[in-house]
Amino acid sequence: MFKAGNFKKAAENYAPDCKIMLANHETLEGRAMAEKMLEDMWRNSPELSLEVDEVGPSGGEYVFERGHYRLIGDDGTIKDIGKYVVIWKRIDCKLCMYLDILNSSLST
């Protein structure tokens, strides 16, 4: 969905009341902001690589995911490398991203 540029569909993975916390930005809230963030990210770095390092408890209302990412530009250069934590929230039997926290590992 991200690579195809279908940001509306990709944003459906976020909870309606999601919060996205990017380094050096105000907290973004809601699916519309998630869609805009994904579109802005794709414009600068159309390839996203995610690697999950840890997932924790899956039986309740919330699940966490911890991992790292890479954003790669059209020319193959690495635009960003960082780590993330997502808190998934169960809504109507479906897990949705509720809190999405991203931190770059590159110096500014």
PDB file of N, CA and C in Angstrom:
ATOM      1  N   MET A   1       0.813  -1.185   0.000  1.00  0.00           N
ATOM      2  CA  MET A   1       0.000   0.000   0.000  1.00  0.00           C
ATOM      3  C   MET A   1       0.865   1.259   0.000  1.00  0.00           C
ATOM      4  N   PHE A   2       1.900   1.273   0.852  1.00  0.00           N
ATOM      5  CA  PHE A   2       2.796   2.433   0.920  1.00  0.00           C
ATOM      6  C   PHE A   2       3.525   2.592  -0.404  1.00  0.00           C
ATOM      7  N   LYS A   3       4.142   1.502  -0.865  1.00  0.00           N
ATOM      8  CA  LYS A   3       4.941   1.576  -2.092  1.00  0.00           C
ATOM      9  C   LYS A   3       4.078   1.916  -3.305  1.00  0.00           C
ATOM     10  N   ALA A   4       2.818   1.459  -3.286  1.00  0.00           N
ATOM     11  CA  ALA A   4       1.901   1.735  -4.382  1.00  0.00           C
ATOM     12  C   ALA A   4       1.334   3.149  -4.322  1.00  0.00           C
ATOM     13  N   GLY A   5       1.574   3.843  -3.216  1.00  0.00           N
ATOM     14  CA  GLY A   5       1.066   5.199  -3.087  1.00  0.00           C
ATOM     15  C   GLY A   5      -0.393   5.264  -2.679  1.00  0.00           C
ATOM     16  N   ASN A   6      -0.936   4.173  -2.138  1.00  0.00           N
ATOM     17  CA  ASN A   6      -2.328   4.157  -1.690  1.00  0.00           C
ATOM     18  C   ASN A   6      -2.365   4.522  -0.200  1.00  0.00           C
ATOM     19  N   PHE A   7      -2.237   5.807   0.073  1.00  0.00           N
ATOM     20  CA  PHE A   7      -2.092   6.277   1.446  1.00  0.00           C
ATOM     21  C   PHE A   7      -3.385   6.167   2.241  1.00  0.00           C
ATOM     22  N   LYS A   8      -4.514   6.354   1.575  1.00  0.00           N
ATOM     23  CA  LYS A   8      -5.798   6.222   2.256  1.00  0.00           C
ATOM     24  C   LYS A   8      -5.964   4.799   2.773  1.00  0.00           C
ATOM     25  N   LYS A   9      -5.650   3.817   1.944  1.00  0.00           N
ATOM     26  CA  LYS A   9      -5.752   2.409   2.349  1.00  0.00           C
ATOM     27  C   LYS A   9      -4.726   2.102   3.445  1.00  0.00           C
ATOM     28  N   ALA A  10      -3.520   2.591   3.302  1.00  0.00           N
ATOM     29  CA  ALA A  10      -2.488   2.358   4.318  1.00  0.00           C
ATOM     30  C   ALA A  10      -2.890   2.978   5.651  1.00  0.00           C
ATOM     31  N   ALA A  11      -3.519   4.156   5.613  1.00  0.00           N
ATOM     32  CA  ALA A  11      -3.937   4.835   6.844  1.00  0.00           C
ATOM     33  C   ALA A  11      -5.053   4.081   7.566  1.00  0.00           C
ATOM     34  N   GLU A  12      -5.757   3.208   6.881  1.00  0.00           N
ATOM     35  CA  GLU A  12      -6.807   2.400   7.518  1.00  0.00           C
ATOM     36  C   GLU A  12      -6.228   1.431   8.542  1.00  0.00           C
ATOM     37  N   ASN A  13      -4.909   1.225   8.533  1.00  0.00           N
ATOM     38  CA  ASN A  13      -4.263   0.401   9.553  1.00  0.00           C
ATOM     39  C   ASN A  13      -4.136   1.146  10.879  1.00  0.00           C
ATOM     40  N   TYR A  14      -4.358   2.454  10.865  1.00  0.00           N
ATOM     41  CA  TYR A  14      -4.305   3.277  12.068  1.00  0.00           C
ATOM     42  C   TYR A  14      -5.695   3.348  12.702  1.00  0.00           C
ATOM     43  N   ALA A  15      -5.735   3.423  14.028  1.00  0.00           N
ATOM     44  CA  ALA A  15      -6.990   3.621  14.748  1.00  0.00           C
ATOM     45  C   ALA A  15      -7.534   5.017  14.422  1.00  0.00           C
ATOM     46  N   PRO A  16      -8.856   5.184  14.449  1.00  0.00           N
ATOM     47  CA  PRO A  16      -9.409   6.522  14.173  1.00  0.00           C
ATOM     48  C   PRO A  16      -8.854   7.595  15.113  1.00  0.00           C
ATOM     49  N   ASP A  17      -8.520   7.215  16.352  1.00  0.00           N
ATOM     50  CA  ASP A  17      -7.998   8.163  17.337  1.00  0.00           C
ATOM     51  C   ASP A  17      -6.489   8.013  17.548  1.00  0.00           C
ATOM     52  N   CYS A  18      -5.783   7.591  16.516  1.00  0.00           N
ATOM     53  CA  CYS A  18      -4.343   7.334  16.622  1.00  0.00           C
ATOM     54  C   CYS A  18      -3.555   8.607  16.939  1.00  0.00           C
ATOM     55  N   LYS A  19      -2.384   8.387  17.493  1.00  0.00           N
ATOM     56  CA  LYS A  19      -1.409   9.445  17.748  1.00  0.00           C
ATOM     57  C   LYS A  19      -0.090   9.013  17.125  1.00  0.00           C
ATOM     58  N   ILE A  20       0.538   9.909  16.359  1.00  0.00           N
ATOM     59  CA  ILE A  20       1.813   9.613  15.717  1.00  0.00           C
ATOM     60  C   ILE A  20       2.829  10.628  16.231  1.00  0.00           C
ATOM     61  N   MET A  21       3.918  10.108  16.796  1.00  0.00           N
ATOM     62  CA  MET A  21       4.926  10.970  17.403  1.00  0.00           C
ATOM     63  C   MET A  21       6.239  10.838  16.634  1.00  0.00           C
ATOM     64  N   LEU A  22       6.503  11.826  15.817  1.00  0.00           N
ATOM     65  CA  LEU A  22       7.723  11.888  15.021  1.00  0.00           C
ATOM     66  C   LEU A  22       8.721  12.802  15.727  1.00  0.00           C
ATOM     67  N   ALA A  23       9.991  12.503  15.577  1.00  0.00           N
ATOM     68  CA  ALA A  23      11.023  13.353  16.168  1.00  0.00           C
ATOM     69  C   ALA A  23      10.898  14.777  15.627  1.00  0.00           C
ATOM     70  N   ASN A  24      11.029  15.753  16.508  1.00  0.00           N
ATOM     71  CA  ASN A  24      11.029  17.168  16.143  1.00  0.00           C
ATOM     72  C   ASN A  24       9.727  17.662  15.508  1.00  0.00           C
ATOM     73  N   HIS A  25       8.601  17.010  15.814  1.00  0.00           N
ATOM     74  CA  HIS A  25       7.291  17.413  15.305  1.00  0.00           C
ATOM     75  C   HIS A  25       6.269  17.362  16.438  1.00  0.00           C
ATOM     76  N   GLU A  26       5.209  18.107  16.273  1.00  0.00           N
ATOM     77  CA  GLU A  26       4.077  17.996  17.182  1.00  0.00           C
ATOM     78  C   GLU A  26       3.399  16.640  16.942  1.00  0.00           C
ATOM     79  N   THR A  27       2.674  16.154  17.926  1.00  0.00           N
ATOM     80  CA  THR A  27       1.952  14.896  17.780  1.00  0.00           C
ATOM     81  C   THR A  27       0.858  15.048  16.728  1.00  0.00           C
ATOM     82  N   LEU A  28       0.808  14.105  15.809  1.00  0.00           N
ATOM     83  CA  LEU A  28      -0.249  14.064  14.793  1.00  0.00           C
ATOM     84  C   LEU A  28      -1.370  13.181  15.325  1.00  0.00           C
ATOM     85  N   GLU A  29      -2.611  13.569  15.101  1.00  0.00           N
ATOM     86  CA  GLU A  29      -3.734  12.802  15.624  1.00  0.00           C
ATOM     87  C   GLU A  29      -4.749  12.509  14.533  1.00  0.00           C
ATOM     88  N   GLY A  30      -5.220  11.252  14.496  1.00  0.00           N
ATOM     89  CA  GLY A  30      -6.294  10.841  13.601  1.00  0.00           C
ATOM     90  C   GLY A  30      -5.805  10.270  12.274  1.00  0.00           C
ATOM     91  N   ARG A  31      -6.701   9.520  11.637  1.00  0.00           N
ATOM     92  CA  ARG A  31      -6.364   8.854  10.368  1.00  0.00           C
ATOM     93  C   ARG A  31      -6.011   9.820   9.252  1.00  0.00           C
ATOM     94  N   ALA A  32      -6.697  10.961   9.195  1.00  0.00           N
ATOM     95  CA  ALA A  32      -6.397  11.934   8.131  1.00  0.00           C
ATOM     96  C   ALA A  32      -4.955  12.412   8.241  1.00  0.00           C
ATOM     97  N   MET A  33      -4.484  12.630   9.463  1.00  0.00           N
ATOM     98  CA  MET A  33      -3.096  13.056   9.653  1.00  0.00           C
ATOM     99  C   MET A  33      -2.137  11.898   9.352  1.00  0.00           C
ATOM    100  N   ALA A  34      -2.540  10.671   9.671  1.00  0.00           N
ATOM    101  CA  ALA A  34      -1.719   9.500   9.340  1.00  0.00           C
ATOM    102  C   ALA A  34      -1.558   9.406   7.827  1.00  0.00           C
ATOM    103  N   GLU A  35      -2.649   9.600   7.108  1.00  0.00           N
ATOM    104  CA  GLU A  35      -2.599   9.554   5.639  1.00  0.00           C
ATOM    105  C   GLU A  35      -1.664  10.630   5.091  1.00  0.00           C
ATOM    106  N   LYS A  36      -1.762  11.840   5.617  1.00  0.00           N
ATOM    107  CA  LYS A  36      -0.888  12.932   5.169  1.00  0.00           C
ATOM    108  C   LYS A  36       0.576  12.637   5.482  1.00  0.00           C
ATOM    109  N   MET A  37       0.840  12.110   6.685  1.00  0.00           N
ATOM    110  CA  MET A  37       2.216  11.762   7.074  1.00  0.00           C
ATOM    111  C   MET A  37       2.787  10.717   6.125  1.00  0.00           C
ATOM    112  N   LEU A  38       2.004   9.688   5.804  1.00  0.00           N
ATOM    113  CA  LEU A  38       2.473   8.637   4.895  1.00  0.00           C
ATOM    114  C   LEU A  38       2.758   9.204   3.506  1.00  0.00           C
ATOM    115  N   GLU A  39       1.889  10.082   3.033  1.00  0.00           N
ATOM    116  CA  GLU A  39       2.100  10.694   1.716  1.00  0.00           C
ATOM    117  C   GLU A  39       3.359  11.553   1.711  1.00  0.00           C
ATOM    118  N   ASP A  40       3.554  12.353   2.743  1.00  0.00           N
ATOM    119  CA  ASP A  40       4.758  13.196   2.833  1.00  0.00           C
ATOM    120  C   ASP A  40       6.018  12.335   2.902  1.00  0.00           C
ATOM    121  N   MET A  41       5.960  11.257   3.666  1.00  0.00           N
ATOM    122  CA  MET A  41       7.095  10.347   3.800  1.00  0.00           C
ATOM    123  C   MET A  41       7.426   9.720   2.444  1.00  0.00           C
ATOM    124  N   TRP A  42       6.403   9.286   1.719  1.00  0.00           N
ATOM    125  CA  TRP A  42       6.582   8.626   0.424  1.00  0.00           C
ATOM    126  C   TRP A  42       7.182   9.579  -0.614  1.00  0.00           C
ATOM    127  N   ARG A  43       6.767  10.849  -0.568  1.00  0.00           N
ATOM    128  CA  ARG A  43       7.305  11.833  -1.520  1.00  0.00           C
ATOM    129  C   ARG A  43       8.820  11.930  -1.411  1.00  0.00           C
ATOM    130  N   ASN A  44       9.329  11.880  -0.190  1.00  0.00           N
ATOM    131  CA  ASN A  44      10.766  12.016   0.040  1.00  0.00           C
ATOM    132  C   ASN A  44      11.509  10.690  -0.066  1.00  0.00           C
ATOM    133  N   SER A  45      10.840   9.603   0.266  1.00  0.00           N
ATOM    134  CA  SER A  45      11.495   8.294   0.330  1.00  0.00           C
ATOM    135  C   SER A  45      10.480   7.211  -0.041  1.00  0.00           C
ATOM    136  N   PRO A  46      10.330   6.908  -1.333  1.00  0.00           N
ATOM    137  CA  PRO A  46       9.267   6.000  -1.753  1.00  0.00           C
ATOM    138  C   PRO A  46       9.443   4.534  -1.343  1.00  0.00           C
ATOM    139  N   GLU A  47      10.576   4.180  -0.783  1.00  0.00           N
ATOM    140  CA  GLU A  47      10.750   2.803  -0.336  1.00  0.00           C
ATOM    141  C   GLU A  47      10.937   2.778   1.178  1.00  0.00           C
ATOM    142  N   LEU A  48      10.125   1.967   1.840  1.00  0.00           N
ATOM    143  CA  LEU A  48      10.158   1.824   3.288  1.00  0.00           C
ATOM    144  C   LEU A  48      10.480   0.382   3.617  1.00  0.00           C
ATOM    145  N   SER A  49      11.485   0.189   4.449  1.00  0.00           N
ATOM    146  CA  SER A  49      11.863  -1.143   4.920  1.00  0.00           C
ATOM    147  C   SER A  49      11.674  -1.196   6.427  1.00  0.00           C
ATOM    148  N   LEU A  50      10.837  -2.124   6.895  1.00  0.00           N
ATOM    149  CA  LEU A  50      10.591  -2.302   8.330  1.00  0.00           C
ATOM    150  C   LEU A  50      11.094  -3.662   8.759  1.00  0.00           C
ATOM    151  N   GLU A  51      11.745  -3.713   9.901  1.00  0.00           N
ATOM    152  CA  GLU A  51      12.139  -4.981  10.506  1.00  0.00           C
ATOM    153  C   GLU A  51      11.658  -4.995  11.941  1.00  0.00           C
ATOM    154  N   VAL A  52      10.850  -5.993  12.261  1.00  0.00           N
ATOM    155  CA  VAL A  52      10.299  -6.129  13.604  1.00  0.00           C
ATOM    156  C   VAL A  52      11.322  -6.845  14.478  1.00  0.00           C
ATOM    157  N   ASP A  53      11.623  -6.257  15.627  1.00  0.00           N
ATOM    158  CA  ASP A  53      12.564  -6.858  16.575  1.00  0.00           C
ATOM    159  C   ASP A  53      11.855  -7.591  17.707  1.00  0.00           C
ATOM    160  N   GLU A  54      10.669  -7.113  18.065  1.00  0.00           N
ATOM    161  CA  GLU A  54       9.976  -7.700  19.215  1.00  0.00           C
ATOM    162  C   GLU A  54       8.484  -7.377  19.121  1.00  0.00           C
ATOM    163  N   VAL A  55       7.665  -8.342  19.497  1.00  0.00           N
ATOM    164  CA  VAL A  55       6.218  -8.160  19.598  1.00  0.00           C
ATOM    165  C   VAL A  55       5.793  -8.705  20.945  1.00  0.00           C
ATOM    166  N   GLY A  56       4.923  -7.990  21.627  1.00  0.00           N
ATOM    167  CA  GLY A  56       4.550  -8.437  22.958  1.00  0.00           C
ATOM    168  C   GLY A  56       3.079  -8.387  23.206  1.00  0.00           C
ATOM    169  N   PRO A  57       2.677  -8.856  24.301  1.00  0.00           N
ATOM    170  CA  PRO A  57       1.569  -9.784  24.514  1.00  0.00           C
ATOM    171  C   PRO A  57       0.417  -9.579  23.540  1.00  0.00           C
ATOM    172  N   SER A  58      -0.074 -10.679  23.033  1.00  0.00           N
ATOM    173  CA  SER A  58      -1.069 -10.599  21.960  1.00  0.00           C
ATOM    174  C   SER A  58      -2.475 -10.982  22.389  1.00  0.00           C
ATOM    175  N   GLY A  59      -2.692 -11.305  23.640  1.00  0.00           N
ATOM    176  CA  GLY A  59      -4.003 -11.785  24.045  1.00  0.00           C
ATOM    177  C   GLY A  59      -4.979 -10.722  24.493  1.00  0.00           C
ATOM    178  N   GLY A  60      -4.512  -9.511  24.779  1.00  0.00           N
ATOM    179  CA  GLY A  60      -5.392  -8.499  25.351  1.00  0.00           C
ATOM    180  C   GLY A  60      -5.845  -7.456  24.352  1.00  0.00           C
ATOM    181  N   GLU A  61      -6.206  -6.305  24.905  1.00  0.00           N
ATOM    182  CA  GLU A  61      -6.707  -5.205  24.085  1.00  0.00           C
ATOM    183  C   GLU A  61      -5.575  -4.483  23.346  1.00  0.00           C
ATOM    184  N   TYR A  62      -4.351  -4.528  23.918  1.00  0.00           N
ATOM    185  CA  TYR A  62      -3.206  -3.835  23.334  1.00  0.00           C
ATOM    186  C   TYR A  62      -2.057  -4.793  23.070  1.00  0.00           C
ATOM    187  N   VAL A  63      -1.300  -4.521  22.023  1.00  0.00           N
ATOM    188  CA  VAL A  63      -0.112  -5.282  21.646  1.00  0.00           C
ATOM    189  C   VAL A  63       0.963  -4.256  21.299  1.00  0.00           C
ATOM    190  N   PHE A  64       2.218  -4.535  21.652  1.00  0.00           N
ATOM    191  CA  PHE A  64       3.282  -3.618  21.233  1.00  0.00           C
ATOM    192  C   PHE A  64       4.157  -4.277  20.172  1.00  0.00           C
ATOM    193  N   GLU A  65       4.761  -3.427  19.369  1.00  0.00           N
ATOM    194  CA  GLU A  65       5.716  -3.849  18.344  1.00  0.00           C
ATOM    195  C   GLU A  65       6.893  -2.895  18.414  1.00  0.00           C
ATOM    196  N   ARG A  66       8.102  -3.444  18.415  1.00  0.00           N
ATOM    197  CA  ARG A  66       9.322  -2.640  18.433  1.00  0.00           C
ATOM    198  C   ARG A  66      10.193  -3.093  17.281  1.00  0.00           C
ATOM    199  N   GLY A  67      10.775  -2.134  16.561  1.00  0.00           N
ATOM    200  CA  GLY A  67      11.630  -2.521  15.446  1.00  0.00           C
ATOM    201  C   GLY A  67      12.457  -1.363  14.930  1.00  0.00           C
ATOM    202  N   HIS A  68      12.952  -1.524  13.727  1.00  0.00           N
ATOM    203  CA  HIS A  68      13.730  -0.464  13.100  1.00  0.00           C
ATOM    204  C   HIS A  68      13.326  -0.341  11.627  1.00  0.00           C
ATOM    205  N   TYR A  69      13.647   0.802  11.057  1.00  0.00           N
ATOM    206  CA  TYR A  69      13.198   1.107   9.693  1.00  0.00           C
ATOM    207  C   TYR A  69      14.307   1.762   8.889  1.00  0.00           C
ATOM    208  N   ARG A  70      14.074   1.754   7.570  1.00  0.00           N
ATOM    209  CA  ARG A  70      14.923   2.490   6.634  1.00  0.00           C
ATOM    210  C   ARG A  70      14.013   3.137   5.605  1.00  0.00           C
ATOM    211  N   LEU A  71      14.293   4.379   5.278  1.00  0.00           N
ATOM    212  CA  LEU A  71      13.615   5.075   4.190  1.00  0.00           C
ATOM    213  C   LEU A  71      14.636   5.283   3.085  1.00  0.00           C
ATOM    214  N   ILE A  72      14.286   4.844   1.885  1.00  0.00           N
ATOM    215  CA  ILE A  72      15.229   4.853   0.770  1.00  0.00           C
ATOM    216  C   ILE A  72      14.652   5.688  -0.367  1.00  0.00           C
ATOM    217  N   GLY A  73      15.469   6.578  -0.908  1.00  0.00           N
ATOM    218  CA  GLY A  73      15.047   7.465  -1.990  1.00  0.00           C
ATOM    219  C   GLY A  73      15.019   6.765  -3.338  1.00  0.00           C
ATOM    220  N   ASP A  74      14.464   7.463  -4.335  1.00  0.00           N
ATOM    221  CA  ASP A  74      14.389   6.936  -5.705  1.00  0.00           C
ATOM    222  C   ASP A  74      15.746   6.531  -6.253  1.00  0.00           C
ATOM    223  N   ASP A  75      16.781   7.265  -5.845  1.00  0.00           N
ATOM    224  CA  ASP A  75      18.122   7.005  -6.353  1.00  0.00           C
ATOM    225  C   ASP A  75      18.862   5.922  -5.556  1.00  0.00           C
ATOM    226  N   GLY A  76      18.165   5.302  -4.583  1.00  0.00           N
ATOM    227  CA  GLY A  76      18.774   4.230  -3.799  1.00  0.00           C
ATOM    228  C   GLY A  76      19.516   4.697  -2.566  1.00  0.00           C
ATOM    229  N   THR A  77      19.597   5.999  -2.363  1.00  0.00           N
ATOM    230  CA  THR A  77      20.287   6.492  -1.171  1.00  0.00           C
ATOM    231  C   THR A  77      19.387   6.351   0.057  1.00  0.00           C
ATOM    232  N   ILE A  78      20.004   6.111   1.181  1.00  0.00           N
ATOM    233  CA  ILE A  78      19.260   5.996   2.433  1.00  0.00           C
ATOM    234  C   ILE A  78      18.947   7.403   2.919  1.00  0.00           C
ATOM    235  N   LYS A  79      17.664   7.689   3.068  1.00  0.00           N
ATOM    236  CA  LYS A  79      17.211   8.999   3.531  1.00  0.00           C
ATOM    237  C   LYS A  79      17.101   9.053   5.047  1.00  0.00           C
ATOM    238  N   ASP A  80      16.775   7.920   5.661  1.00  0.00           N
ATOM    239  CA  ASP A  80      16.665   7.873   7.115  1.00  0.00           C
ATOM    240  C   ASP A  80      16.773   6.432   7.580  1.00  0.00           C
ATOM    241  N   ILE A  81      17.355   6.275   8.751  1.00  0.00           N
ATOM    242  CA  ILE A  81      17.429   4.996   9.447  1.00  0.00           C
ATOM    243  C   ILE A  81      16.998   5.304  10.875  1.00  0.00           C
ATOM    244  N   GLY A  82      16.149   4.457  11.429  1.00  0.00           N
ATOM    245  CA  GLY A  82      15.707   4.732  12.788  1.00  0.00           C
ATOM    246  C   GLY A  82      15.032   3.549  13.441  1.00  0.00           C
ATOM    247  N   LYS A  83      14.408   3.846  14.568  1.00  0.00           N
ATOM    248  CA  LYS A  83      13.714   2.803  15.319  1.00  0.00           C
ATOM    249  C   LYS A  83      12.296   3.285  15.606  1.00  0.00           C
ATOM    250  N   TYR A  84      11.439   2.324  15.941  1.00  0.00           N
ATOM    251  CA  TYR A  84      10.042   2.668  16.177  1.00  0.00           C
ATOM    252  C   TYR A  84       9.427   1.765  17.234  1.00  0.00           C
ATOM    253  N   VAL A  85       8.354   2.260  17.814  1.00  0.00           N
ATOM    254  CA  VAL A  85       7.498   1.482  18.705  1.00  0.00           C
ATOM    255  C   VAL A  85       6.069   1.780  18.270  1.00  0.00           C
ATOM    256  N   VAL A  86       5.288   0.734  18.112  1.00  0.00           N
ATOM    257  CA  VAL A  86       3.862   0.882  17.811  1.00  0.00           C
ATOM    258  C   VAL A  86       3.077   0.167  18.894  1.00  0.00           C
ATOM    259  N   ILE A  87       2.065   0.837  19.417  1.00  0.00           N
ATOM    260  CA  ILE A  87       1.098   0.206  20.303  1.00  0.00           C
ATOM    261  C   ILE A  87      -0.144  -0.038  19.451  1.00  0.00           C
ATOM    262  N   TRP A  88      -0.484  -1.296  19.298  1.00  0.00           N
ATOM    263  CA  TRP A  88      -1.661  -1.693  18.532  1.00  0.00           C
ATOM    264  C   TRP A  88      -2.838  -1.812  19.493  1.00  0.00           C
ATOM    265  N   LYS A  89      -3.992  -1.362  19.062  1.00  0.00           N
ATOM    266  CA  LYS A  89      -5.210  -1.378  19.876  1.00  0.00           C
ATOM    267  C   LYS A  89      -6.265  -2.209  19.148  1.00  0.00           C
ATOM    268  N   ARG A  90      -6.900  -3.095  19.879  1.00  0.00           N
ATOM    269  CA  ARG A  90      -7.942  -3.934  19.288  1.00  0.00           C
ATOM    270  C   ARG A  90      -9.242  -3.136  19.196  1.00  0.00           C
ATOM    271  N   ILE A  91      -9.748  -2.976  17.986  1.00  0.00           N
ATOM    272  CA  ILE A  91     -11.005  -2.272  17.729  1.00  0.00           C
ATOM    273  C   ILE A  91     -11.870  -3.185  16.862  1.00  0.00           C
ATOM    274  N   ASP A  92     -13.019  -3.578  17.384  1.00  0.00           N
ATOM    275  CA  ASP A  92     -13.926  -4.470  16.646  1.00  0.00           C
ATOM    276  C   ASP A  92     -13.185  -5.701  16.127  1.00  0.00           C
ATOM    277  N   CYS A  93     -12.420  -6.338  16.981  1.00  0.00           N
ATOM    278  CA  CYS A  93     -11.685  -7.580  16.688  1.00  0.00           C
ATOM    279  C   CYS A  93     -10.527  -7.401  15.701  1.00  0.00           C
ATOM    280  N   LYS A  94     -10.172  -6.167  15.371  1.00  0.00           N
ATOM    281  CA  LYS A  94      -9.056  -5.902  14.462  1.00  0.00           C
ATOM    282  C   LYS A  94      -8.012  -5.072  15.196  1.00  0.00           C
ATOM    283  N   LEU A  95      -6.736  -5.427  15.025  1.00  0.00           N
ATOM    284  CA  LEU A  95      -5.663  -4.620  15.614  1.00  0.00           C
ATOM    285  C   LEU A  95      -5.374  -3.431  14.702  1.00  0.00           C
ATOM    286  N   CYS A  96      -5.350  -2.236  15.301  1.00  0.00           N
ATOM    287  CA  CYS A  96      -5.059  -0.996  14.584  1.00  0.00           C
ATOM    288  C   CYS A  96      -3.930  -0.274  15.311  1.00  0.00           C
ATOM    289  N   MET A  97      -3.114   0.445  14.567  1.00  0.00           N
ATOM    290  CA  MET A  97      -2.040   1.223  15.181  1.00  0.00           C
ATOM    291  C   MET A  97      -2.649   2.389  15.945  1.00  0.00           C
ATOM    292  N   TYR A  98      -2.406   2.411  17.250  1.00  0.00           N
ATOM    293  CA  TYR A  98      -2.941   3.459  18.104  1.00  0.00           C
ATOM    294  C   TYR A  98      -1.876   4.519  18.401  1.00  0.00           C
ATOM    295  N   LEU A  99      -0.700   4.088  18.852  1.00  0.00           N
ATOM    296  CA  LEU A  99       0.434   4.992  19.070  1.00  0.00           C
ATOM    297  C   LEU A  99       1.573   4.552  18.168  1.00  0.00           C
ATOM    298  N   ASP A 100       2.098   5.463  17.387  1.00  0.00           N
ATOM    299  CA  ASP A 100       3.207   5.182  16.475  1.00  0.00           C
ATOM    300  C   ASP A 100       4.304   6.190  16.790  1.00  0.00           C
ATOM    301  N   ILE A 101       5.432   5.686  17.273  1.00  0.00           N
ATOM    302  CA  ILE A 101       6.521   6.551  17.708  1.00  0.00           C
ATOM    303  C   ILE A 101       7.756   6.216  16.877  1.00  0.00           C
ATOM    304  N   LEU A 102       8.289   7.207  16.161  1.00  0.00           N
ATOM    305  CA  LEU A 102       9.449   7.024  15.284  1.00  0.00           C
ATOM    306  C   LEU A 102      10.591   7.928  15.744  1.00  0.00           C
ATOM    307  N   ASN A 103      11.798   7.405  15.735  1.00  0.00           N
ATOM    308  CA  ASN A 103      12.976   8.195  16.092  1.00  0.00           C
ATOM    309  C   ASN A 103      14.104   7.880  15.120  1.00  0.00           C
ATOM    310  N   SER A 104      14.610   8.900  14.469  1.00  0.00           N
ATOM    311  CA  SER A 104      15.735   8.727  13.562  1.00  0.00           C
ATOM    312  C   SER A 104      17.004   8.399  14.347  1.00  0.00           C
ATOM    313  N   SER A 105      17.832   7.569  13.745  1.00  0.00           N
ATOM    314  CA  SER A 105      19.137   7.277  14.336  1.00  0.00           C
ATOM    315  C   SER A 105      20.243   8.109  13.691  1.00  0.00           C
ATOM    316  N   LEU A 106      19.882   8.908  12.698  1.00  0.00           N
ATOM    317  CA  LEU A 106      20.863   9.764  12.033  1.00  0.00           C
ATOM    318  C   LEU A 106      21.002  11.076  12.791  1.00  0.00           C
ATOM    319  N   SER A 107      22.203  11.596  12.824  1.00  0.00           N
ATOM    320  CA  SER A 107      22.402  12.891  13.473  1.00  0.00           C
ATOM    321  C   SER A 107      21.848  13.985  12.572  1.00  0.00           C
ATOM    322  N   THR A 108      21.399  15.045  13.199  1.00  0.00           N
ATOM    323  CA  THR A 108      20.796  16.142  12.411  1.00  0.00           C
ATOM    324  C   THR A 108      21.802  17.150  11.981  1.00  0.00           C
TER     325      THR A 108
END
